[in-house]
Amino acid sequence: MVISFSQRLRNLFEKYTDHNCFACSSRNQIGLKLEIVQNDENCFSDFILSNDYTGFPNIIHGGIQATVIDEVGFWAMYNKYKTIGFTTRMTLDYLNKLEANTKLRAIATKIERNNTLVNVEVKILNKDNAVGTIGNLNYKLVNDILLKKYFGKKFYEEYIKIKNEFN
């Protein structure tokens, strides 16, 4: 079984940073535990959230929707450009309700790069495949100095080693 570049990054985070991401870590007891699917074409996540994640009765809280959009956006950016970036801006349009206890899909629909800034559009589709929420995100790509600063030398060295294997 071939392990993807992105899976290797997740493993690296878990190994060196006590990874407990609210959106994607399987270890976070109250987290969303999103499984992100990546391929050549796009990045998406199919998920069902319980009433634990609602604001209004049976409607997924807008902040939770923003978290899902940011997570899928990050992995879409990472999948395409094979580098880490930090979210610098996010705008959201809430168009239709997204109900709890129903299958939803968050999918990256556009990814564009301009130097060190990546713009990603992510949509969350409701059970009828109608767009519930659209998010537009900007990610600032992180240089080597910041990677070392934020994650440590050991993480950085392992990251570069893995990255070089995929180039």
Protein backbone atom coordinates (compact mmCIF):
# COMPACT_ATOMS: atom_id res chain seq x y z
CA MET A 1 0.00 0.00 0.00
CA VAL A 2 1.38 3.39 -1.04
CA ILE A 3 1.06 6.13 1.56
CA SER A 4 0.27 9.54 0.05
CA PHE A 5 2.27 12.69 0.65
CA SER A 6 -0.61 14.11 2.69
CA GLN A 7 -0.90 10.98 4.83
CA ARG A 8 2.81 11.21 5.53
CA LEU A 9 2.30 14.83 6.69
CA ARG A 10 -0.52 13.75 9.02
CA ASN A 11 1.73 11.03 10.44
CA LEU A 12 4.50 13.58 10.87
CA PHE A 13 2.20 15.95 12.78
CA GLU A 14 1.10 13.10 15.04
CA LYS A 15 4.68 12.01 15.66
CA TYR A 16 6.16 15.42 16.47
CA THR A 17 3.43 17.81 17.56
CA ASP A 18 0.97 15.89 19.78
CA HIS A 19 -1.52 16.30 16.94
CA ASN A 20 -5.00 16.91 18.31
CA CYS A 21 -6.64 18.84 15.48
CA PHE A 22 -10.29 19.57 16.24
CA ALA A 23 -11.21 19.07 12.60
CA CYS A 24 -9.28 15.96 11.52
CA SER A 25 -7.56 14.17 14.39
CA SER A 26 -9.01 10.79 15.29
CA ARG A 27 -7.64 11.31 18.82
CA ASN A 28 -9.64 14.43 19.65
CA GLN A 29 -12.57 13.17 21.72
CA ILE A 30 -14.84 16.14 20.89
CA GLY A 31 -13.48 16.75 17.39
CA LEU A 32 -15.12 16.37 14.01
CA LYS A 33 -12.81 13.51 12.92
CA LEU A 34 -13.09 14.52 9.27
CA GLU A 35 -11.63 12.10 6.78
CA ILE A 36 -10.21 14.08 3.90
CA VAL A 37 -10.09 12.40 0.50
CA GLN A 38 -7.54 13.69 -1.97
CA ASN A 39 -6.95 12.79 -5.58
CA ASP A 40 -5.60 14.45 -8.71
CA GLU A 41 -8.82 16.34 -9.32
CA ASN A 42 -9.91 17.67 -5.94
CA CYS A 43 -10.16 17.33 -2.21
CA PHE A 44 -13.35 16.56 -0.29
CA SER A 45 -14.84 15.15 2.87
CA ASP A 46 -18.14 13.35 3.34
CA PHE A 47 -19.40 13.59 6.90
CA ILE A 48 -22.38 13.48 9.24
CA LEU A 49 -22.46 15.73 12.30
CA SER A 50 -24.70 15.16 15.28
CA ASN A 51 -26.75 17.67 17.23
CA ASP A 52 -23.63 18.24 19.35
CA TYR A 53 -22.48 20.59 16.57
CA THR A 54 -25.64 22.65 16.06
CA GLY A 55 -26.53 26.25 16.83
CA PHE A 56 -30.18 26.59 15.94
CA PRO A 57 -32.14 23.36 16.40
CA ASN A 58 -30.93 20.71 13.96
CA ILE A 59 -28.78 23.20 11.96
CA ILE A 60 -25.00 22.86 11.96
CA HIS A 61 -23.44 25.86 13.70
CA GLY A 62 -21.87 28.40 11.34
CA GLY A 63 -18.55 28.25 13.20
CA ILE A 64 -18.42 24.49 12.75
CA GLN A 65 -19.14 24.96 9.04
CA ALA A 66 -16.25 27.44 8.89
CA THR A 67 -13.96 24.87 10.54
CA VAL A 68 -14.91 22.21 8.00
CA ILE A 69 -14.32 24.62 5.12
CA ASP A 70 -10.93 25.68 6.47
CA GLU A 71 -9.81 22.06 6.94
CA VAL A 72 -10.81 20.96 3.44
CA GLY A 73 -9.29 24.14 2.01
CA PHE A 74 -5.97 23.51 3.75
CA TRP A 75 -5.69 19.94 2.50
CA ALA A 76 -6.70 20.96 -1.03
CA MET A 77 -3.97 23.63 -1.03
CA TYR A 78 -1.47 21.19 0.43
CA ASN A 79 -2.42 18.42 -1.99
CA LYS A 80 -1.86 20.67 -4.99
CA TYR A 81 1.23 22.62 -3.97
CA LYS A 82 2.92 20.21 -1.50
CA THR A 83 3.65 22.95 0.99
CA ILE A 84 2.20 24.22 4.25
CA GLY A 85 0.25 27.47 4.45
CA PHE A 86 -1.55 29.31 7.23
CA THR A 87 -5.05 30.72 6.85
CA THR A 88 -4.94 34.51 6.62
CA ARG A 89 -8.48 35.26 5.49
CA MET A 90 -11.82 33.51 5.20
CA THR A 91 -15.14 34.76 3.87
CA LEU A 92 -18.31 32.72 4.08
CA ASP A 93 -21.70 32.85 2.41
CA TYR A 94 -24.37 30.84 4.21
CA LEU A 95 -26.95 30.06 1.53
CA ASN A 96 -29.02 27.10 2.77
CA LYS A 97 -29.35 25.28 6.05
CA LEU A 98 -27.13 22.30 6.71
CA GLU A 99 -28.92 19.82 8.93
CA ALA A 100 -27.45 17.62 11.63
CA ASN A 101 -27.54 13.86 11.22
CA THR A 102 -27.52 14.02 7.41
CA LYS A 103 -24.74 13.28 4.95
CA LEU A 104 -22.89 16.43 3.90
CA ARG A 105 -19.97 16.94 1.56
CA ALA A 106 -17.34 19.67 1.70
CA ILE A 107 -15.45 19.97 -1.57
CA ALA A 108 -12.72 22.27 -2.85
CA THR A 109 -13.90 23.69 -6.14
CA LYS A 110 -11.16 26.21 -7.04
CA ILE A 111 -7.50 26.49 -6.12
CA GLU A 112 -5.37 29.34 -7.42
CA ARG A 113 -1.88 30.46 -6.51
CA ASN A 114 -0.33 33.91 -6.79
CA ASN A 115 3.27 33.77 -5.56
CA THR A 116 3.04 32.91 -1.83
CA LEU A 117 -0.73 33.32 -1.54
CA VAL A 118 -3.18 30.54 -2.36
CA ASN A 119 -6.91 31.14 -2.75
CA VAL A 120 -9.22 28.16 -2.28
CA GLU A 121 -12.98 27.96 -2.70
CA VAL A 122 -14.78 25.27 -0.71
CA LYS A 123 -18.48 24.43 -0.83
CA ILE A 124 -20.50 22.39 1.62
CA LEU A 125 -23.30 20.53 -0.11
CA ASN A 126 -26.44 19.45 1.74
CA LYS A 127 -28.19 16.09 1.50
CA ASP A 128 -29.82 17.18 -1.79
CA ASN A 129 -26.46 18.32 -3.25
CA ALA A 130 -27.52 21.96 -3.00
CA VAL A 131 -24.83 24.40 -1.88
CA GLY A 132 -25.34 25.22 1.78
CA THR A 133 -22.22 27.29 2.37
CA ILE A 134 -19.43 28.70 0.21
CA GLY A 135 -16.09 29.65 1.71
CA ASN A 136 -13.27 31.57 0.10
CA LEU A 137 -9.96 31.23 1.89
CA ASN A 138 -6.51 32.71 1.56
CA TYR A 139 -3.48 30.75 2.72
CA LYS A 140 -0.03 32.28 3.08
CA LEU A 141 2.60 29.69 2.17
CA VAL A 142 5.12 29.17 4.95
CA ASN A 143 8.85 29.41 4.28
CA ASP A 144 11.51 27.13 5.78
CA ILE A 145 12.41 29.53 8.59
CA LEU A 146 8.82 29.62 9.85
CA LEU A 147 8.43 25.85 9.51
CA LYS A 148 11.42 25.37 11.83
CA LYS A 149 10.18 28.06 14.22
CA TYR A 150 6.63 26.72 14.57
CA PHE A 151 7.25 22.97 14.41
CA GLY A 152 10.89 22.50 15.42
CA LYS A 153 14.04 21.38 13.67
CA LYS A 154 13.32 17.64 13.88
CA PHE A 155 9.86 18.05 12.29
CA TYR A 156 11.31 20.33 9.61
CA GLU A 157 14.10 17.91 8.67
CA GLU A 158 11.68 14.98 8.43
CA TYR A 159 9.24 17.12 6.40
CA ILE A 160 11.96 18.06 3.88
CA LYS A 161 13.03 14.43 3.60
CA ILE A 162 9.46 13.34 2.82
CA LYS A 163 8.91 16.26 0.45
CA ASN A 164 12.06 15.38 -1.51
CA GLU A 165 10.82 11.80 -1.93
CA PHE A 166 7.74 13.13 -3.76
CA ASN A 167 9.55 15.65 -6.00
